[in-house]
C-alpha atoms as a PDB file:
ATOM      1  CA  MET A   1     -11.997  24.145 -27.504  1.00  0.00           C
ATOM      2  CA  GLU A   2      -9.436  26.138 -25.561  1.00  0.00           C
ATOM      3  CA  LYS A   3      -7.361  24.763 -22.646  1.00  0.00           C
ATOM      4  CA  ILE A   4      -5.566  26.621 -19.876  1.00  0.00           C
ATOM      5  CA  LYS A   5      -3.709  25.497 -16.737  1.00  0.00           C
ATOM      6  CA  ILE A   6      -3.960  27.473 -13.520  1.00  0.00           C
ATOM      7  CA  ASP A   7      -2.600  27.185  -9.997  1.00  0.00           C
ATOM      8  CA  HIS A   8      -5.888  26.337  -8.290  1.00  0.00           C
ATOM      9  CA  THR A   9      -6.350  23.713  -5.562  1.00  0.00           C
ATOM     10  CA  PRO A  10      -9.957  22.738  -4.726  1.00  0.00           C
ATOM     11  CA  LYS A  11     -11.138  23.247  -1.166  1.00  0.00           C
ATOM     12  CA  CYS A  12     -11.948  19.573  -0.701  1.00  0.00           C
ATOM     13  CA  ILE A  13      -8.258  18.809  -0.988  1.00  0.00           C
ATOM     14  CA  PHE A  14      -7.505  20.941   2.080  1.00  0.00           C
ATOM     15  CA  ILE A  15     -10.252  19.110   3.963  1.00  0.00           C
ATOM     16  CA  THR A  16      -8.745  15.804   2.836  1.00  0.00           C
ATOM     17  CA  MET A  17      -5.373  16.907   4.117  1.00  0.00           C
ATOM     18  CA  ILE A  18      -6.806  17.685   7.542  1.00  0.00           C
ATOM     19  CA  ILE A  19      -8.579  14.319   7.725  1.00  0.00           C
ATOM     20  CA  LEU A  20      -5.430  12.443   6.720  1.00  0.00           C
ATOM     21  CA  MET A  21      -3.407  14.410   9.287  1.00  0.00           C
ATOM     22  CA  ILE A  22      -5.867  13.558  12.060  1.00  0.00           C
ATOM     23  CA  MET A  23      -5.906   9.912  11.003  1.00  0.00           C
ATOM     24  CA  GLY A  24      -2.087   9.863  10.985  1.00  0.00           C
ATOM     25  CA  LEU A  25      -1.950  11.355  14.439  1.00  0.00           C
ATOM     26  CA  GLY A  26      -4.486   8.759  15.656  1.00  0.00           C
ATOM     27  CA  VAL A  27      -2.459   5.882  14.221  1.00  0.00           C
ATOM     28  CA  ASN A  28       0.712   7.347  15.679  1.00  0.00           C
ATOM     29  CA  TYR A  29      -0.902   7.608  19.094  1.00  0.00           C
ATOM     30  CA  SER A  30      -2.291   4.094  18.989  1.00  0.00           C
ATOM     31  CA  LEU A  31       1.094   2.673  17.939  1.00  0.00           C
ATOM     32  CA  LYS A  32       2.830   4.480  20.811  1.00  0.00           C
ATOM     33  CA  THR A  33       0.336   3.323  23.446  1.00  0.00           C
ATOM     34  CA  ALA A  34      -0.032  -0.268  22.180  1.00  0.00           C
ATOM     35  CA  GLU A  35       1.788  -2.965  24.106  1.00  0.00           C
ATOM     36  CA  GLU A  36       2.399  -4.958  20.933  1.00  0.00           C
ATOM     37  CA  THR A  37       2.285  -3.524  17.434  1.00  0.00           C
ATOM     38  CA  THR A  38       1.162  -5.776  14.647  1.00  0.00           C
ATOM     39  CA  LYS A  39       2.284  -5.629  11.068  1.00  0.00           C
ATOM     40  CA  SER A  40      -1.181  -4.636   9.905  1.00  0.00           C
ATOM     41  CA  ASN A  41      -1.205  -1.570  12.185  1.00  0.00           C
ATOM     42  CA  LEU A  42       2.192  -0.515  10.825  1.00  0.00           C
ATOM     43  CA  ILE A  43       1.043  -1.039   7.255  1.00  0.00           C
ATOM     44  CA  TYR A  44      -2.097   1.075   7.850  1.00  0.00           C
ATOM     45  CA  GLY A  45      -0.039   3.830   9.391  1.00  0.00           C
ATOM     46  CA  LEU A  46       2.430   3.807   6.498  1.00  0.00           C
ATOM     47  CA  ILE A  47      -0.416   3.949   3.951  1.00  0.00           C
ATOM     48  CA  ILE A  48      -1.970   6.963   5.698  1.00  0.00           C
ATOM     49  CA  TYR A  49       1.359   8.780   5.911  1.00  0.00           C
ATOM     50  CA  LEU A  50       2.131   7.952   2.290  1.00  0.00           C
ATOM     51  CA  LEU A  51      -1.261   9.275   1.167  1.00  0.00           C
ATOM     52  CA  PHE A  52      -0.715  12.434   3.183  1.00  0.00           C
ATOM     53  CA  PHE A  53       2.660  13.136   1.556  1.00  0.00           C
ATOM     54  CA  VAL A  54       1.448  12.263  -1.961  1.00  0.00           C
ATOM     55  CA  VAL A  55      -1.497  14.723  -1.643  1.00  0.00           C
ATOM     56  CA  PHE A  56       0.783  17.346   0.009  1.00  0.00           C
ATOM     57  CA  ILE A  57       3.369  17.137  -2.784  1.00  0.00           C
ATOM     58  CA  SER A  58       0.730  17.083  -5.523  1.00  0.00           C
ATOM     59  CA  MET A  59      -0.784  20.305  -4.137  1.00  0.00           C
ATOM     60  CA  GLY A  60       2.393  22.081  -5.135  1.00  0.00           C
ATOM     61  CA  PHE A  61       2.912  20.602  -8.555  1.00  0.00           C
ATOM     62  CA  VAL A  62      -0.456  19.635 -10.050  1.00  0.00           C
ATOM     63  CA  LYS A  63      -2.272  22.433 -11.894  1.00  0.00           C
ATOM     64  CA  THR A  64      -5.970  22.673 -12.605  1.00  0.00           C
ATOM     65  CA  ARG A  65      -6.818  22.146 -16.272  1.00  0.00           C
ATOM     66  CA  VAL A  66      -9.703  24.302 -17.543  1.00  0.00           C
ATOM     67  CA  LYS A  67     -11.395  23.557 -20.839  1.00  0.00           C
ATOM     68  CA  PHE A  68     -13.910  25.904 -22.436  1.00  0.00           C
ATOM     69  CA  GLY A  69     -15.190  27.024 -25.808  1.00  0.00           C
ATOM     70  CA  ASN A  70     -17.350  24.021 -26.652  1.00  0.00           C
ATOM     71  CA  GLY A  71     -20.825  25.008 -25.589  1.00  0.00           C
ATOM     72  CA  SER A  72     -21.735  26.633 -22.274  1.00  0.00           C
ATOM     73  CA  THR A  73     -19.827  24.208 -20.031  1.00  0.00           C
ATOM     74  CA  VAL A  74     -16.499  25.018 -18.445  1.00  0.00           C
ATOM     75  CA  LYS A  75     -14.786  21.732 -17.503  1.00  0.00           C
ATOM     76  CA  CYS A  76     -12.232  21.716 -14.728  1.00  0.00           C
ATOM     77  CA  GLN A  77      -9.874  18.946 -13.654  1.00  0.00           C
ATOM     78  CA  TRP A  78      -7.402  18.800 -10.774  1.00  0.00           C
ATOM     79  CA  PHE A  79      -5.454  15.531 -10.627  1.00  0.00           C
ATOM     80  CA  PHE A  80      -8.307  13.025 -10.241  1.00  0.00           C
ATOM     81  CA  LEU A  81     -11.145  15.465  -9.448  1.00  0.00           C
ATOM     82  CA  PHE A  82     -13.520  16.709 -12.105  1.00  0.00           C
ATOM     83  CA  TRP A  83     -16.156  19.441 -11.906  1.00  0.00           C
ATOM     84  CA  LYS A  84     -18.169  21.583 -14.352  1.00  0.00           C
ATOM     85  CA  ILE A  85     -19.471  25.106 -14.369  1.00  0.00           C
ATOM     86  CA  ASP A  86     -22.514  25.608 -16.628  1.00  0.00           C
ATOM     87  CA  LEU A  87     -22.578  29.208 -17.849  1.00  0.00           C
ATOM     88  CA  ASN A  88     -26.308  28.941 -18.664  1.00  0.00           C
ATOM     89  CA  LYS A  89     -26.983  28.602 -14.931  1.00  0.00           C
ATOM     90  CA  VAL A  90     -24.694  31.459 -13.916  1.00  0.00           C
ATOM     91  CA  ASN A  91     -26.122  34.957 -13.367  1.00  0.00           C
ATOM     92  CA  ALA A  92     -22.865  36.923 -13.264  1.00  0.00           C
ATOM     93  CA  VAL A  93     -19.094  36.467 -13.517  1.00  0.00           C
ATOM     94  CA  THR A  94     -16.640  38.874 -11.854  1.00  0.00           C
ATOM     95  CA  TYR A  95     -12.960  38.816 -11.065  1.00  0.00           C
ATOM     96  CA  THR A  96     -10.917  40.392  -8.311  1.00  0.00           C
ATOM     97  CA  LEU A  97      -7.278  40.599  -7.282  1.00  0.00           C
ATOM     98  CA  LYS A  98      -6.495  39.741  -3.653  1.00  0.00           C
ATOM     99  CA  SER A  99      -3.293  40.123  -1.708  1.00  0.00           C
ATOM    100  CA  ASN A 100      -2.477  38.359   1.561  1.00  0.00           C
ATOM    101  CA  ARG A 101       0.512  38.887   3.818  1.00  0.00           C
ATOM    102  CA  THR A 102       2.630  35.820   4.389  1.00  0.00           C
ATOM    103  CA  ARG A 103       4.372  34.888   7.632  1.00  0.00           C
ATOM    104  CA  GLY A 104       7.778  35.686   6.157  1.00  0.00           C
ATOM    105  CA  GLY A 105       6.764  39.244   5.498  1.00  0.00           C
ATOM    106  CA  GLY A 106       6.031  38.854   1.765  1.00  0.00           C
ATOM    107  CA  THR A 107       2.791  39.217  -0.104  1.00  0.00           C
ATOM    108  CA  HIS A 108       0.863  36.429  -1.787  1.00  0.00           C
ATOM    109  CA  TYR A 109      -1.388  37.431  -4.727  1.00  0.00           C
ATOM    110  CA  THR A 110      -4.350  35.573  -6.236  1.00  0.00           C
ATOM    111  CA  LEU A 111      -6.811  36.409  -8.958  1.00  0.00           C
ATOM    112  CA  HIS A 112     -10.290  35.151  -8.103  1.00  0.00           C
ATOM    113  CA  MET A 113     -12.943  34.557 -10.793  1.00  0.00           C
ATOM    114  CA  ILE A 114     -16.372  34.281  -9.183  1.00  0.00           C
ATOM    115  CA  PHE A 115     -19.310  32.572 -10.888  1.00  0.00           C
ATOM    116  CA  TYR A 116     -22.538  33.713  -9.171  1.00  0.00           C
ATOM    117  CA  VAL A 117     -25.496  31.342  -9.531  1.00  0.00           C
ATOM    118  CA  ASP A 118     -27.515  33.323  -6.976  1.00  0.00           C
ATOM    119  CA  ALA A 119     -26.815  35.482  -3.897  1.00  0.00           C
ATOM    120  CA  ASN A 120     -25.805  32.555  -1.675  1.00  0.00           C
ATOM    121  CA  ASN A 121     -24.487  30.092  -4.275  1.00  0.00           C
ATOM    122  CA  PHE A 122     -21.264  30.793  -6.187  1.00  0.00           C
ATOM    123  CA  LYS A 123     -18.180  28.977  -7.445  1.00  0.00           C
ATOM    124  CA  VAL A 124     -14.667  30.316  -7.457  1.00  0.00           C
ATOM    125  CA  LEU A 125     -11.645  29.616  -9.623  1.00  0.00           C
ATOM    126  CA  LYS A 126      -8.462  31.241  -8.436  1.00  0.00           C
ATOM    127  CA  GLU A 127      -5.003  31.551  -9.888  1.00  0.00           C
ATOM    128  CA  GLU A 128      -1.949  32.224  -7.773  1.00  0.00           C
ATOM    129  CA  LEU A 129       0.162  35.017  -9.290  1.00  0.00           C
ATOM    130  CA  LYS A 130       3.822  35.846  -9.073  1.00  0.00           C
ATOM    131  CA  PRO A 131       4.584  39.376  -7.752  1.00  0.00           C
ATOM    132  CA  HIS A 132       5.655  40.846 -11.069  1.00  0.00           C
ATOM    133  CA  ILE A 133       2.470  39.576 -12.756  1.00  0.00           C
ATOM    134  CA  ALA A 134       0.352  40.912  -9.891  1.00  0.00           C
ATOM    135  CA  GLU A 135       1.913  44.344 -10.329  1.00  0.00           C
ATOM    136  CA  GLU A 136       0.811  44.327 -13.973  1.00  0.00           C
ATOM    137  CA  CYS A 137      -2.671  43.304 -12.847  1.00  0.00           C
ATOM    138  CA  ILE A 138      -2.789  46.273 -10.447  1.00  0.00           C
ATOM    139  CA  ARG A 139      -2.231  48.443 -13.560  1.00  0.00           C
ATOM    140  CA  HIS A 140      -5.150  46.598 -15.201  1.00  0.00           C
ATOM    141  CA  ARG A 141      -2.868  44.697 -17.616  1.00  0.00           C
ATOM    142  CA  PHE A 142      -3.969  41.071 -17.405  1.00  0.00           C
ATOM    143  CA  ASN A 143      -2.116  39.759 -20.477  1.00  0.00           C
ATOM    144  CA  GLN A 144      -0.007  37.230 -18.565  1.00  0.00           C
ATOM    145  CA  VAL A 145      -2.865  35.763 -16.493  1.00  0.00           C
ATOM    146  CA  GLU A 146      -4.192  32.455 -17.876  1.00  0.00           C
ATOM    147  CA  LEU A 147      -7.559  32.741 -16.097  1.00  0.00           C
ATOM    148  CA  MET A 148      -8.314  35.944 -17.964  1.00  0.00           C
ATOM    149  CA  LYS A 149      -8.488  33.930 -21.199  1.00  0.00           C
ATOM    150  CA  LEU A 150     -11.624  32.333 -19.753  1.00  0.00           C
ATOM    151  CA  TYR A 151     -13.017  35.695 -18.764  1.00  0.00           C
ATOM    152  CA  ARG A 152     -12.344  37.114 -22.233  1.00  0.00           C
ATOM    153  CA  TYR A 153     -14.210  34.106 -23.721  1.00  0.00           C
ATOM    154  CA  ILE A 154     -17.175  34.785 -21.394  1.00  0.00           C
ATOM    155  CA  GLU A 155     -17.030  38.498 -22.220  1.00  0.00           C
ATOM    156  CA  LYS A 156     -17.166  37.726 -25.947  1.00  0.00           C
ATOM    157  CA  ASN A 157     -19.741  34.952 -25.978  1.00  0.00           C
ATOM    158  CA  TYR A 158     -21.876  35.817 -22.903  1.00  0.00           C
ATOM    159  CA  PRO A 159     -21.607  39.589 -22.559  1.00  0.00           C
ATOM    160  CA  ASP A 160     -24.598  39.804 -20.188  1.00  0.00           C
ATOM    161  CA  LEU A 161     -22.745  37.605 -17.625  1.00  0.00           C
ATOM    162  CA  ALA A 162     -19.380  39.457 -17.653  1.00  0.00           C
ATOM    163  CA  LYS A 163     -19.672  42.087 -14.950  1.00  0.00           C
ATOM    164  CA  GLY A 164     -15.947  43.012 -14.823  1.00  0.00           C
ATOM    165  CA  PHE A 165     -13.553  43.836 -12.010  1.00  0.00           C
ATOM    166  CA  GLU A 166     -15.002  43.728  -8.508  1.00  0.00           C
END
């Protein structure tokens, strides 16, 4: 079984961050407008703010662990979240390199690996890349990209699924 670590944060974490932020704003508003604040209200507010900052900090430091090579299941884990991708249910696997402009004027690169179950159902694993690694990827040299180890495994063991660069 092979293991890799990639910079991938699941979408549900971003949704969780938005919910915690809204809850924190609600607690902040209720504490400001209340005539008397109780200890329990303060404790609830502190817990919500603490959860927000723990999730926010973990987004930057926790990497997704991907395990593959033992059957057709690709097992993924981010912090306390687990999910699986069954390659027997996937119709095609492609990868693409995307670049996005940042507010500071720089460019942010990600490699997306897309697992198509059908036309409307797909799963994505993405790895954030440093600029010098992304430049090598533009030249079709993916040696330094961890996620490409998974694609090479799929290419070797499931050649009918591996559709290449998109």
